[in-house]
């Protein structure tokens, strides 16, 4: 599902609200755990800092909220992006929405209402139909994007979002400068009420928006290791499947912090050991309506990658009328 609404930040054309597929809980968490904890051993080349930035943390933040922020900023650091600030109002909005969803889960299941939305007639805990209304209700007027998963686990949900296409975009967009996290629910595979919500904002804790140069959020980051070998298609909306269906290889993407009119000339991925190009799906705003306004391009091999191998990616074209080229490598998880 894609949600769009006008923003006051001129350079952002649209914001996307995304959710992980209901019922993916344990499988999605297993997928998220494939992210190698030794990734930092071969972190992104020249990320610009000695370690991940922490961002601002309000005194009211819970431990799990800080863990979610740290995990998100760990990924951003690898791609050379500035850290996110944590905003109390966004935390409150996310937590209230998670509590609301758990309270009204029977109505959600019966009606098919999007987990991103709330129904005013289900009045208990209602704070706004849409995420930007809920953010504003709690005093934050620059809500820009929302992602939802169903794990009740701060690191697991962030890892799961990063191993997708559409959910990854706000994490890799430097214009997203703030976030909040909430989680609620419990239960097992058959009766889970677990939910995680992250709302992103375009104004940081100091009240300012991103003003740096156009940044490239590349994932997997150049020179990184421990990258998952596959993507199982468990994302809503689901990216177009490869010809033989999912699982595919891991998703490679570039997200710019600004409008990037990209015209591709060539794109390829290959394993270093045999130098054979891998057939893959290519997506850009012109071929995938879910990327419209997202300034993101992506590719993913038809088949899962091999563990413990070095892969190379090359994308050549024009961005906003100027030549653009990027070639980089990454290593897949060893086990």
C-alpha atoms as a PDB file:
ATOM      1  CA  UNK A   1       0.000   0.000   0.000  1.00  0.00           C
ATOM      2  CA  UNK A   2       1.246   3.447  -0.897  1.00  0.00           C
ATOM      3  CA  UNK A   3       0.017   6.620   0.806  1.00  0.00           C
ATOM      4  CA  UNK A   4       0.762  10.067  -0.577  1.00  0.00           C
ATOM      5  CA  UNK A   5       0.051  13.535   0.704  1.00  0.00           C
ATOM      6  CA  UNK A   6       1.383  17.059   0.051  1.00  0.00           C
ATOM      7  CA  UNK A   7       4.401  18.141   2.058  1.00  0.00           C
ATOM      8  CA  UNK A   8       5.589  21.603   2.958  1.00  0.00           C
ATOM      9  CA  UNK A   9       9.176  20.660   2.039  1.00  0.00           C
ATOM     10  CA  UNK A  10       9.327  21.600  -1.667  1.00  0.00           C
ATOM     11  CA  UNK A  11      11.993  19.095  -2.667  1.00  0.00           C
ATOM     12  CA  UNK A  12       9.863  16.147  -1.497  1.00  0.00           C
ATOM     13  CA  UNK A  13       7.281  15.212  -4.082  1.00  0.00           C
ATOM     14  CA  UNK A  14       5.543  12.526  -2.077  1.00  0.00           C
ATOM     15  CA  UNK A  15       5.806  10.381   0.998  1.00  0.00           C
ATOM     16  CA  UNK A  16       5.142   6.676   1.131  1.00  0.00           C
ATOM     17  CA  UNK A  17       3.469   4.776   3.928  1.00  0.00           C
ATOM     18  CA  UNK A  18       4.348   1.083   3.905  1.00  0.00           C
ATOM     19  CA  UNK A  19       3.671  -1.999   5.933  1.00  0.00           C
ATOM     20  CA  UNK A  20       5.016  -5.492   6.206  1.00  0.00           C
ATOM     21  CA  UNK A  21       2.578  -8.218   5.216  1.00  0.00           C
ATOM     22  CA  UNK A  22       0.359  -9.349   8.117  1.00  0.00           C
ATOM     23  CA  UNK A  23       1.214 -12.816   9.291  1.00  0.00           C
ATOM     24  CA  UNK A  24       4.902 -12.613   8.400  1.00  0.00           C
ATOM     25  CA  UNK A  25       6.065 -12.324  12.005  1.00  0.00           C
ATOM     26  CA  UNK A  26       8.448 -15.201  12.774  1.00  0.00           C
ATOM     27  CA  UNK A  27       9.551 -15.738   9.173  1.00  0.00           C
ATOM     28  CA  UNK A  28      10.275 -12.048   8.735  1.00  0.00           C
ATOM     29  CA  UNK A  29      12.244 -11.998  11.981  1.00  0.00           C
ATOM     30  CA  UNK A  30      14.269 -15.022  10.853  1.00  0.00           C
ATOM     31  CA  UNK A  31      15.004 -13.157   7.619  1.00  0.00           C
ATOM     32  CA  UNK A  32      16.011 -10.064   9.564  1.00  0.00           C
ATOM     33  CA  UNK A  33      18.447 -12.075  11.687  1.00  0.00           C
ATOM     34  CA  UNK A  34      20.341 -13.008   8.503  1.00  0.00           C
ATOM     35  CA  UNK A  35      21.954  -9.560   8.716  1.00  0.00           C
ATOM     36  CA  UNK A  36      25.466 -10.406   9.883  1.00  0.00           C
ATOM     37  CA  UNK A  37      26.376  -8.775  13.218  1.00  0.00           C
ATOM     38  CA  UNK A  38      29.937  -8.585  11.884  1.00  0.00           C
ATOM     39  CA  UNK A  39      28.825  -6.247   9.100  1.00  0.00           C
ATOM     40  CA  UNK A  40      30.803  -3.420  10.654  1.00  0.00           C
ATOM     41  CA  UNK A  41      34.013  -5.377  10.060  1.00  0.00           C
ATOM     42  CA  UNK A  42      33.718  -4.324   6.426  1.00  0.00           C
ATOM     43  CA  UNK A  43      31.531  -1.261   6.845  1.00  0.00           C
ATOM     44  CA  UNK A  44      30.745   1.149   4.061  1.00  0.00           C
ATOM     45  CA  UNK A  45      33.796   2.684   2.510  1.00  0.00           C
ATOM     46  CA  UNK A  46      34.577   6.080   4.066  1.00  0.00           C
ATOM     47  CA  UNK A  47      31.245   6.675   5.819  1.00  0.00           C
ATOM     48  CA  UNK A  48      32.658   9.951   7.090  1.00  0.00           C
ATOM     49  CA  UNK A  49      32.650   9.116  10.795  1.00  0.00           C
ATOM     50  CA  UNK A  50      34.474   6.828  13.208  1.00  0.00           C
ATOM     51  CA  UNK A  51      31.213   5.179  14.137  1.00  0.00           C
ATOM     52  CA  UNK A  52      27.443   5.468  13.826  1.00  0.00           C
ATOM     53  CA  UNK A  53      25.992   8.810  14.899  1.00  0.00           C
ATOM     54  CA  UNK A  54      23.472   8.629  17.711  1.00  0.00           C
ATOM     55  CA  UNK A  55      21.181  11.532  16.922  1.00  0.00           C
ATOM     56  CA  UNK A  56      19.206  13.416  19.558  1.00  0.00           C
ATOM     57  CA  UNK A  57      17.397  11.248  22.116  1.00  0.00           C
ATOM     58  CA  UNK A  58      14.686  12.720  24.375  1.00  0.00           C
ATOM     59  CA  UNK A  59      14.804  11.938  28.093  1.00  0.00           C
ATOM     60  CA  UNK A  60      11.432  10.216  27.803  1.00  0.00           C
ATOM     61  CA  UNK A  61      12.620   7.613  25.258  1.00  0.00           C
ATOM     62  CA  UNK A  62      12.295   3.982  26.323  1.00  0.00           C
ATOM     63  CA  UNK A  63      15.102   1.474  25.894  1.00  0.00           C
ATOM     64  CA  UNK A  64      13.416  -0.255  22.945  1.00  0.00           C
ATOM     65  CA  UNK A  65      12.856   3.099  21.229  1.00  0.00           C
ATOM     66  CA  UNK A  66      16.537   3.943  21.604  1.00  0.00           C
ATOM     67  CA  UNK A  67      17.466   0.520  20.253  1.00  0.00           C
ATOM     68  CA  UNK A  68      15.332   1.120  17.164  1.00  0.00           C
ATOM     69  CA  UNK A  69      16.944   4.528  16.641  1.00  0.00           C
ATOM     70  CA  UNK A  70      20.447   3.109  17.064  1.00  0.00           C
ATOM     71  CA  UNK A  71      19.718   0.337  14.565  1.00  0.00           C
ATOM     72  CA  UNK A  72      18.344   2.776  12.000  1.00  0.00           C
ATOM     73  CA  UNK A  73      21.340   5.066  12.425  1.00  0.00           C
ATOM     74  CA  UNK A  74      23.698   2.089  12.140  1.00  0.00           C
ATOM     75  CA  UNK A  75      22.347   1.482   8.639  1.00  0.00           C
ATOM     76  CA  UNK A  76      22.454   5.164   7.747  1.00  0.00           C
ATOM     77  CA  UNK A  77      26.060   5.481   8.925  1.00  0.00           C
ATOM     78  CA  UNK A  78      27.116   2.631   6.630  1.00  0.00           C
ATOM     79  CA  UNK A  79      25.687   4.539   3.667  1.00  0.00           C
ATOM     80  CA  UNK A  80      27.222   7.851   4.722  1.00  0.00           C
ATOM     81  CA  UNK A  81      23.928   9.454   5.739  1.00  0.00           C
ATOM     82  CA  UNK A  82      23.482  11.751   8.767  1.00  0.00           C
ATOM     83  CA  UNK A  83      21.853  10.234  11.858  1.00  0.00           C
ATOM     84  CA  UNK A  84      18.179  10.544  12.647  1.00  0.00           C
ATOM     85  CA  UNK A  85      16.973  12.427  15.719  1.00  0.00           C
ATOM     86  CA  UNK A  86      14.372  10.832  17.947  1.00  0.00           C
ATOM     87  CA  UNK A  87      11.359  13.073  18.605  1.00  0.00           C
ATOM     88  CA  UNK A  88       9.131  12.625  21.653  1.00  0.00           C
ATOM     89  CA  UNK A  89       5.981  13.497  19.710  1.00  0.00           C
ATOM     90  CA  UNK A  90       6.763  10.903  17.047  1.00  0.00           C
ATOM     91  CA  UNK A  91       7.414   8.292  19.726  1.00  0.00           C
ATOM     92  CA  UNK A  92       4.075   9.121  21.309  1.00  0.00           C
ATOM     93  CA  UNK A  93       2.235   8.998  17.982  1.00  0.00           C
ATOM     94  CA  UNK A  94       3.757   5.637  17.064  1.00  0.00           C
ATOM     95  CA  UNK A  95       3.078   4.129  20.459  1.00  0.00           C
ATOM     96  CA  UNK A  96      -0.509   5.386  20.525  1.00  0.00           C
ATOM     97  CA  UNK A  97      -1.144   3.907  17.086  1.00  0.00           C
ATOM     98  CA  UNK A  98       0.322   0.536  18.070  1.00  0.00           C
ATOM     99  CA  UNK A  99      -1.849   0.464  21.186  1.00  0.00           C
ATOM    100  CA  UNK A 100      -4.871   1.451  19.088  1.00  0.00           C
ATOM    101  CA  UNK A 101      -4.251  -1.328  16.561  1.00  0.00           C
ATOM    102  CA  UNK A 102      -3.934  -3.974  19.279  1.00  0.00           C
ATOM    103  CA  UNK A 103      -7.098  -2.692  21.011  1.00  0.00           C
ATOM    104  CA  UNK A 104      -9.106  -2.837  17.778  1.00  0.00           C
ATOM    105  CA  UNK A 105      -7.435  -5.789  16.054  1.00  0.00           C
ATOM    106  CA  UNK A 106     -10.740  -7.634  15.662  1.00  0.00           C
ATOM    107  CA  UNK A 107     -12.256  -4.659  13.802  1.00  0.00           C
ATOM    108  CA  UNK A 108      -9.143  -4.383  11.599  1.00  0.00           C
ATOM    109  CA  UNK A 109      -9.373  -8.069  10.722  1.00  0.00           C
ATOM    110  CA  UNK A 110     -13.094  -7.899  10.074  1.00  0.00           C
ATOM    111  CA  UNK A 111     -13.070  -4.787   7.887  1.00  0.00           C
ATOM    112  CA  UNK A 112      -9.675  -4.955   6.166  1.00  0.00           C
ATOM    113  CA  UNK A 113      -8.868  -1.384   7.202  1.00  0.00           C
ATOM    114  CA  UNK A 114      -5.218  -0.580   6.490  1.00  0.00           C
ATOM    115  CA  UNK A 115      -3.039  -0.839   9.603  1.00  0.00           C
ATOM    116  CA  UNK A 116      -1.787   2.648   8.699  1.00  0.00           C
ATOM    117  CA  UNK A 117      -5.246   4.126   9.325  1.00  0.00           C
ATOM    118  CA  UNK A 118      -7.569   4.575  12.280  1.00  0.00           C
ATOM    119  CA  UNK A 119     -11.363   4.713  12.220  1.00  0.00           C
ATOM    120  CA  UNK A 120     -12.915   7.607  14.191  1.00  0.00           C
ATOM    121  CA  UNK A 121     -15.910   5.422  15.021  1.00  0.00           C
ATOM    122  CA  UNK A 122     -13.583   3.089  16.917  1.00  0.00           C
ATOM    123  CA  UNK A 123     -13.143   5.851  19.409  1.00  0.00           C
ATOM    124  CA  UNK A 124     -11.058   4.224  22.139  1.00  0.00           C
ATOM    125  CA  UNK A 125      -7.513   5.527  21.695  1.00  0.00           C
ATOM    126  CA  UNK A 126      -8.245   7.325  18.403  1.00  0.00           C
ATOM    127  CA  UNK A 127      -5.694  10.072  17.615  1.00  0.00           C
ATOM    128  CA  UNK A 128      -6.016  10.577  13.844  1.00  0.00           C
ATOM    129  CA  UNK A 129      -7.012   8.783  10.672  1.00  0.00           C
ATOM    130  CA  UNK A 130      -3.614   9.101   8.985  1.00  0.00           C
ATOM    131  CA  UNK A 131      -0.108   9.031  10.399  1.00  0.00           C
ATOM    132  CA  UNK A 132       0.520  12.728   9.710  1.00  0.00           C
ATOM    133  CA  UNK A 133      -2.673  13.595  11.582  1.00  0.00           C
ATOM    134  CA  UNK A 134      -1.517  11.479  14.517  1.00  0.00           C
ATOM    135  CA  UNK A 135       1.935  13.060  14.451  1.00  0.00           C
ATOM    136  CA  UNK A 136       0.339  16.520  14.503  1.00  0.00           C
ATOM    137  CA  UNK A 137      -1.965  15.449  17.357  1.00  0.00           C
ATOM    138  CA  UNK A 138       1.160  14.833  19.441  1.00  0.00           C
ATOM    139  CA  UNK A 139       2.741  18.144  18.457  1.00  0.00           C
ATOM    140  CA  UNK A 140       4.863  17.208  15.453  1.00  0.00           C
ATOM    141  CA  UNK A 141       3.682  18.871  12.240  1.00  0.00           C
ATOM    142  CA  UNK A 142       6.278  17.514   9.778  1.00  0.00           C
ATOM    143  CA  UNK A 143       5.393  13.816   9.613  1.00  0.00           C
ATOM    144  CA  UNK A 144       6.608  12.502   6.260  1.00  0.00           C
ATOM    145  CA  UNK A 145       6.479   8.703   6.112  1.00  0.00           C
ATOM    146  CA  UNK A 146       5.462   5.621   8.048  1.00  0.00           C
ATOM    147  CA  UNK A 147       6.428   1.944   8.040  1.00  0.00           C
ATOM    148  CA  UNK A 148       4.758  -0.882   9.943  1.00  0.00           C
ATOM    149  CA  UNK A 149       5.870  -4.407  10.781  1.00  0.00           C
ATOM    150  CA  UNK A 150       4.450  -7.157  12.981  1.00  0.00           C
ATOM    151  CA  UNK A 151       7.265  -8.349  15.253  1.00  0.00           C
ATOM    152  CA  UNK A 152       7.356  -6.222  18.434  1.00  0.00           C
ATOM    153  CA  UNK A 153      11.128  -6.177  18.184  1.00  0.00           C
ATOM    154  CA  UNK A 154      13.143  -2.974  17.595  1.00  0.00           C
ATOM    155  CA  UNK A 155      16.199  -4.400  15.825  1.00  0.00           C
ATOM    156  CA  UNK A 156      14.269  -7.165  14.084  1.00  0.00           C
ATOM    157  CA  UNK A 157      11.745  -4.773  12.578  1.00  0.00           C
ATOM    158  CA  UNK A 158      14.422  -2.348  11.344  1.00  0.00           C
ATOM    159  CA  UNK A 159      16.439  -5.227   9.861  1.00  0.00           C
ATOM    160  CA  UNK A 160      13.292  -6.551   8.209  1.00  0.00           C
ATOM    161  CA  UNK A 161      12.419  -3.160   6.692  1.00  0.00           C
ATOM    162  CA  UNK A 162      15.970  -2.806   5.402  1.00  0.00           C
ATOM    163  CA  UNK A 163      15.735  -6.181   3.651  1.00  0.00           C
ATOM    164  CA  UNK A 164      12.826  -4.936   1.522  1.00  0.00           C
ATOM    165  CA  UNK A 165      12.469  -2.371  -1.254  1.00  0.00           C
ATOM    166  CA  UNK A 166       9.766   0.171  -0.436  1.00  0.00           C
ATOM    167  CA  UNK A 167      10.133   0.077   3.361  1.00  0.00           C
ATOM    168  CA  UNK A 168      13.834   0.760   3.035  1.00  0.00           C
ATOM    169  CA  UNK A 169      13.376   4.068   1.230  1.00  0.00           C
ATOM    170  CA  UNK A 170      12.789   6.437   4.197  1.00  0.00           C
ATOM    171  CA  UNK A 171      15.740   4.914   6.079  1.00  0.00           C
ATOM    172  CA  UNK A 172      17.960   5.720   3.080  1.00  0.00           C
ATOM    173  CA  UNK A 173      16.604   9.223   2.407  1.00  0.00           C
ATOM    174  CA  UNK A 174      18.725  11.971   3.986  1.00  0.00           C
ATOM    175  CA  UNK A 175      15.688  14.271   3.965  1.00  0.00           C
ATOM    176  CA  UNK A 176      14.200  12.101   6.678  1.00  0.00           C
ATOM    177  CA  UNK A 177      15.915  13.652   9.707  1.00  0.00           C
ATOM    178  CA  UNK A 178      13.716  12.449  12.578  1.00  0.00           C
ATOM    179  CA  UNK A 179      11.899   9.311  13.681  1.00  0.00           C
ATOM    180  CA  UNK A 180       9.790   7.799  16.398  1.00  0.00           C
ATOM    181  CA  UNK A 181       9.158   4.167  17.308  1.00  0.00           C
ATOM    182  CA  UNK A 182       6.333   2.349  19.020  1.00  0.00           C
ATOM    183  CA  UNK A 183       5.529  -1.320  19.615  1.00  0.00           C
ATOM    184  CA  UNK A 184       2.795  -3.337  21.259  1.00  0.00           C
ATOM    185  CA  UNK A 185       1.160  -6.733  21.396  1.00  0.00           C
ATOM    186  CA  UNK A 186       2.222 -10.292  22.019  1.00  0.00           C
ATOM    187  CA  UNK A 187       1.267 -13.853  21.249  1.00  0.00           C
ATOM    188  CA  UNK A 188       2.616 -16.550  18.973  1.00  0.00           C
ATOM    189  CA  UNK A 189       2.464 -17.374  15.293  1.00  0.00           C
ATOM    190  CA  UNK A 190      -1.262 -18.200  15.142  1.00  0.00           C
ATOM    191  CA  UNK A 191      -2.583 -15.538  17.510  1.00  0.00           C
ATOM    192  CA  UNK A 192      -0.071 -12.708  17.300  1.00  0.00           C
ATOM    193  CA  UNK A 193      -1.069  -9.117  17.997  1.00  0.00           C
ATOM    194  CA  UNK A 194       2.499  -7.841  17.603  1.00  0.00           C
ATOM    195  CA  UNK A 195       3.067  -4.550  15.805  1.00  0.00           C
ATOM    196  CA  UNK A 196       5.911  -2.071  15.313  1.00  0.00           C
ATOM    197  CA  UNK A 197       5.520   1.434  13.876  1.00  0.00           C
ATOM    198  CA  UNK A 198       8.132   3.975  12.813  1.00  0.00           C
ATOM    199  CA  UNK A 199       7.130   7.476  11.728  1.00  0.00           C
ATOM    200  CA  UNK A 200       9.714   9.628   9.962  1.00  0.00           C
ATOM    201  CA  UNK A 201       9.839  13.409   9.959  1.00  0.00           C
ATOM    202  CA  UNK A 202      11.385  16.120   7.804  1.00  0.00           C
ATOM    203  CA  UNK A 203      12.280  18.435  10.734  1.00  0.00           C
ATOM    204  CA  UNK A 204      14.876  17.457  13.333  1.00  0.00           C
ATOM    205  CA  UNK A 205      15.038  18.110  17.075  1.00  0.00           C
ATOM    206  CA  UNK A 206      16.474  21.579  16.451  1.00  0.00           C
ATOM    207  CA  UNK A 207      13.560  22.490  14.185  1.00  0.00           C
ATOM    208  CA  UNK A 208      15.559  22.391  10.946  1.00  0.00           C
ATOM    209  CA  UNK A 209      15.228  20.433   7.703  1.00  0.00           C
ATOM    210  CA  UNK A 210      17.969  18.736   5.718  1.00  0.00           C
ATOM    211  CA  UNK A 211      20.000  21.369   3.880  1.00  0.00           C
ATOM    212  CA  UNK A 212      23.070  19.457   2.771  1.00  0.00           C
ATOM    213  CA  UNK A 213      24.037  18.399  -0.741  1.00  0.00           C
ATOM    214  CA  UNK A 214      22.031  15.739  -2.562  1.00  0.00           C
ATOM    215  CA  UNK A 215      22.963  12.523  -0.761  1.00  0.00           C
ATOM    216  CA  UNK A 216      22.866   8.970  -2.072  1.00  0.00           C
ATOM    217  CA  UNK A 217      21.521   6.285   0.225  1.00  0.00           C
ATOM    218  CA  UNK A 218      23.058   3.139  -1.261  1.00  0.00           C
ATOM    219  CA  UNK A 219      22.204  -0.317   0.039  1.00  0.00           C
ATOM    220  CA  UNK A 220      24.012  -2.656   0.289  1.00  0.00           C
ATOM    221  CA  UNK A 221      26.642  -0.042   1.105  1.00  0.00           C
ATOM    222  CA  UNK A 222      29.913  -0.075  -0.853  1.00  0.00           C
ATOM    223  CA  UNK A 223      32.413  -2.452   0.733  1.00  0.00           C
ATOM    224  CA  UNK A 224      29.910  -3.910   3.204  1.00  0.00           C
ATOM    225  CA  UNK A 225      29.671  -7.544   4.288  1.00  0.00           C
ATOM    226  CA  UNK A 226      27.105  -9.808   5.913  1.00  0.00           C
ATOM    227  CA  UNK A 227      24.413  -8.886   3.375  1.00  0.00           C
ATOM    228  CA  UNK A 228      21.408 -11.263   3.182  1.00  0.00           C
ATOM    229  CA  UNK A 229      21.441 -13.510   0.125  1.00  0.00           C
ATOM    230  CA  UNK A 230      17.732 -13.326  -0.658  1.00  0.00           C
ATOM    231  CA  UNK A 231      14.415 -11.507  -0.449  1.00  0.00           C
ATOM    232  CA  UNK A 232      11.299 -13.627   0.049  1.00  0.00           C
ATOM    233  CA  UNK A 233       8.782 -11.148  -1.373  1.00  0.00           C
ATOM    234  CA  UNK A 234       7.065 -10.602   1.981  1.00  0.00           C
ATOM    235  CA  UNK A 235       6.313  -6.913   1.569  1.00  0.00           C
ATOM    236  CA  UNK A 236       3.101  -5.023   0.911  1.00  0.00           C
ATOM    237  CA  UNK A 237       2.983  -3.706  -1.718  1.00  0.00           C
ATOM    238  CA  UNK A 238       5.043  -6.546  -3.127  1.00  0.00           C
ATOM    239  CA  UNK A 239       7.763  -5.624  -5.619  1.00  0.00           C
ATOM    240  CA  UNK A 240       7.290  -7.236  -9.042  1.00  0.00           C
ATOM    241  CA  UNK A 241       8.424 -10.871  -8.735  1.00  0.00           C
ATOM    242  CA  UNK A 242      11.175 -12.325 -10.923  1.00  0.00           C
ATOM    243  CA  UNK A 243      10.042 -14.706 -13.715  1.00  0.00           C
ATOM    244  CA  UNK A 244      10.255 -17.803 -11.511  1.00  0.00           C
ATOM    245  CA  UNK A 245       8.819 -16.087  -8.447  1.00  0.00           C
ATOM    246  CA  UNK A 246      10.306 -15.464  -5.042  1.00  0.00           C
ATOM    247  CA  UNK A 247      12.736 -15.818  -3.350  1.00  0.00           C
ATOM    248  CA  UNK A 248      14.910 -13.450  -5.357  1.00  0.00           C
ATOM    249  CA  UNK A 249      18.376 -12.177  -4.649  1.00  0.00           C
ATOM    250  CA  UNK A 250      18.779  -9.358  -2.161  1.00  0.00           C
ATOM    251  CA  UNK A 251      17.467  -5.972  -3.279  1.00  0.00           C
ATOM    252  CA  UNK A 252      20.023  -3.352  -4.289  1.00  0.00           C
ATOM    253  CA  UNK A 253      18.811   0.245  -4.254  1.00  0.00           C
ATOM    254  CA  UNK A 254      19.902   3.864  -4.506  1.00  0.00           C
ATOM    255  CA  UNK A 255      17.769   6.603  -2.930  1.00  0.00           C
ATOM    256  CA  UNK A 256      18.565  10.280  -3.491  1.00  0.00           C
ATOM    257  CA  UNK A 257      17.697  13.083  -1.074  1.00  0.00           C
ATOM    258  CA  UNK A 258      15.961  15.063  -3.781  1.00  0.00           C
ATOM    259  CA  UNK A 259      14.180  14.685  -7.069  1.00  0.00           C
ATOM    260  CA  UNK A 260      16.368  12.509  -9.266  1.00  0.00           C
ATOM    261  CA  UNK A 261      15.269  12.239 -12.864  1.00  0.00           C
ATOM    262  CA  UNK A 262      17.237   9.128 -13.736  1.00  0.00           C
ATOM    263  CA  UNK A 263      17.717   7.763 -17.238  1.00  0.00           C
ATOM    264  CA  UNK A 264      19.472   4.403 -17.163  1.00  0.00           C
ATOM    265  CA  UNK A 265      22.049   3.396 -19.741  1.00  0.00           C
ATOM    266  CA  UNK A 266      23.182   0.113 -18.213  1.00  0.00           C
ATOM    267  CA  UNK A 267      22.785  -1.854 -15.001  1.00  0.00           C
ATOM    268  CA  UNK A 268      24.364  -5.124 -14.011  1.00  0.00           C
ATOM    269  CA  UNK A 269      25.351  -7.307 -11.074  1.00  0.00           C
ATOM    270  CA  UNK A 270      27.896 -10.118 -11.100  1.00  0.00           C
ATOM    271  CA  UNK A 271      29.826 -12.402  -8.772  1.00  0.00           C
ATOM    272  CA  UNK A 272      33.527 -11.712  -8.632  1.00  0.00           C
ATOM    273  CA  UNK A 273      34.538 -15.381  -8.785  1.00  0.00           C
ATOM    274  CA  UNK A 274      33.041 -16.151 -12.198  1.00  0.00           C
ATOM    275  CA  UNK A 275      32.388 -12.643 -13.631  1.00  0.00           C
ATOM    276  CA  UNK A 276      29.018 -13.809 -14.993  1.00  0.00           C
ATOM    277  CA  UNK A 277      26.298 -11.169 -15.100  1.00  0.00           C
ATOM    278  CA  UNK A 278      23.185 -12.192 -13.225  1.00  0.00           C
ATOM    279  CA  UNK A 279      19.728 -11.743 -14.773  1.00  0.00           C
ATOM    280  CA  UNK A 280      17.771  -9.357 -12.614  1.00  0.00           C
ATOM    281  CA  UNK A 281      14.692  -7.181 -12.199  1.00  0.00           C
ATOM    282  CA  UNK A 282      15.252  -3.447 -12.745  1.00  0.00           C
ATOM    283  CA  UNK A 283      12.885  -0.863 -11.244  1.00  0.00           C
ATOM    284  CA  UNK A 284      12.756   2.925 -11.406  1.00  0.00           C
ATOM    285  CA  UNK A 285       9.977   5.531 -11.096  1.00  0.00           C
ATOM    286  CA  UNK A 286       9.153   5.046 -14.767  1.00  0.00           C
ATOM    287  CA  UNK A 287       8.604   1.292 -14.477  1.00  0.00           C
ATOM    288  CA  UNK A 288       7.177   1.014 -10.954  1.00  0.00           C
ATOM    289  CA  UNK A 289       4.338   3.281  -9.842  1.00  0.00           C
ATOM    290  CA  UNK A 290       5.204   2.568  -6.191  1.00  0.00           C
ATOM    291  CA  UNK A 291       8.501   4.409  -6.715  1.00  0.00           C
ATOM    292  CA  UNK A 292       6.850   7.531  -8.115  1.00  0.00           C
ATOM    293  CA  UNK A 293       8.218  10.507  -6.217  1.00  0.00           C
ATOM    294  CA  UNK A 294      10.619   8.352  -4.224  1.00  0.00           C
ATOM    295  CA  UNK A 295      13.848   9.217  -6.137  1.00  0.00           C
ATOM    296  CA  UNK A 296      14.816   5.557  -5.927  1.00  0.00           C
ATOM    297  CA  UNK A 297      16.132   2.980  -8.375  1.00  0.00           C
ATOM    298  CA  UNK A 298      16.526  -0.721  -7.611  1.00  0.00           C
ATOM    299  CA  UNK A 299      17.565  -4.073  -8.974  1.00  0.00           C
ATOM    300  CA  UNK A 300      17.460  -7.630  -7.634  1.00  0.00           C
ATOM    301  CA  UNK A 301      18.684 -10.896  -9.174  1.00  0.00           C
ATOM    302  CA  UNK A 302      16.159 -13.513 -10.229  1.00  0.00           C
ATOM    303  CA  UNK A 303      17.685 -16.075  -7.854  1.00  0.00           C
ATOM    304  CA  UNK A 304      19.138 -15.872  -4.329  1.00  0.00           C
ATOM    305  CA  UNK A 305      22.829 -15.052  -4.124  1.00  0.00           C
ATOM    306  CA  UNK A 306      25.431 -17.448  -2.762  1.00  0.00           C
ATOM    307  CA  UNK A 307      26.642 -17.073   0.826  1.00  0.00           C
ATOM    308  CA  UNK A 308      30.103 -15.749   1.546  1.00  0.00           C
ATOM    309  CA  UNK A 309      30.701 -14.305  -1.921  1.00  0.00           C
ATOM    310  CA  UNK A 310      31.772 -10.942  -3.248  1.00  0.00           C
ATOM    311  CA  UNK A 311      29.382  -9.279  -5.693  1.00  0.00           C
ATOM    312  CA  UNK A 312      29.743  -6.188  -7.850  1.00  0.00           C
ATOM    313  CA  UNK A 313      27.054  -3.765  -9.002  1.00  0.00           C
ATOM    314  CA  UNK A 314      27.342  -1.215 -11.799  1.00  0.00           C
ATOM    315  CA  UNK A 315      24.723   1.383 -12.702  1.00  0.00           C
ATOM    316  CA  UNK A 316      25.357   3.934 -15.446  1.00  0.00           C
ATOM    317  CA  UNK A 317      23.079   6.678 -16.723  1.00  0.00           C
ATOM    318  CA  UNK A 318      22.057  10.269 -16.304  1.00  0.00           C
ATOM    319  CA  UNK A 319      20.677  11.937 -13.179  1.00  0.00           C
ATOM    320  CA  UNK A 320      18.917  15.241 -13.747  1.00  0.00           C
ATOM    321  CA  UNK A 321      20.619  15.526 -17.134  1.00  0.00           C
ATOM    322  CA  UNK A 322      24.169  14.947 -15.845  1.00  0.00           C
ATOM    323  CA  UNK A 323      26.212  11.784 -16.287  1.00  0.00           C
ATOM    324  CA  UNK A 324      26.065   9.469 -13.265  1.00  0.00           C
ATOM    325  CA  UNK A 325      27.908   6.217 -12.687  1.00  0.00           C
ATOM    326  CA  UNK A 326      28.438   4.015  -9.662  1.00  0.00           C
ATOM    327  CA  UNK A 327      30.264   0.692  -9.358  1.00  0.00           C
ATOM    328  CA  UNK A 328      30.653  -0.944  -5.967  1.00  0.00           C
ATOM    329  CA  UNK A 329      31.020  -4.284  -4.216  1.00  0.00           C
ATOM    330  CA  UNK A 330      29.570  -6.092  -1.206  1.00  0.00           C
ATOM    331  CA  UNK A 331      29.915  -9.465   0.471  1.00  0.00           C
ATOM    332  CA  UNK A 332      27.004 -11.742   1.315  1.00  0.00           C
ATOM    333  CA  UNK A 333      26.507 -13.292   4.725  1.00  0.00           C
ATOM    334  CA  UNK A 334      28.877 -16.186   5.311  1.00  0.00           C
ATOM    335  CA  UNK A 335      26.364 -18.736   6.603  1.00  0.00           C
END
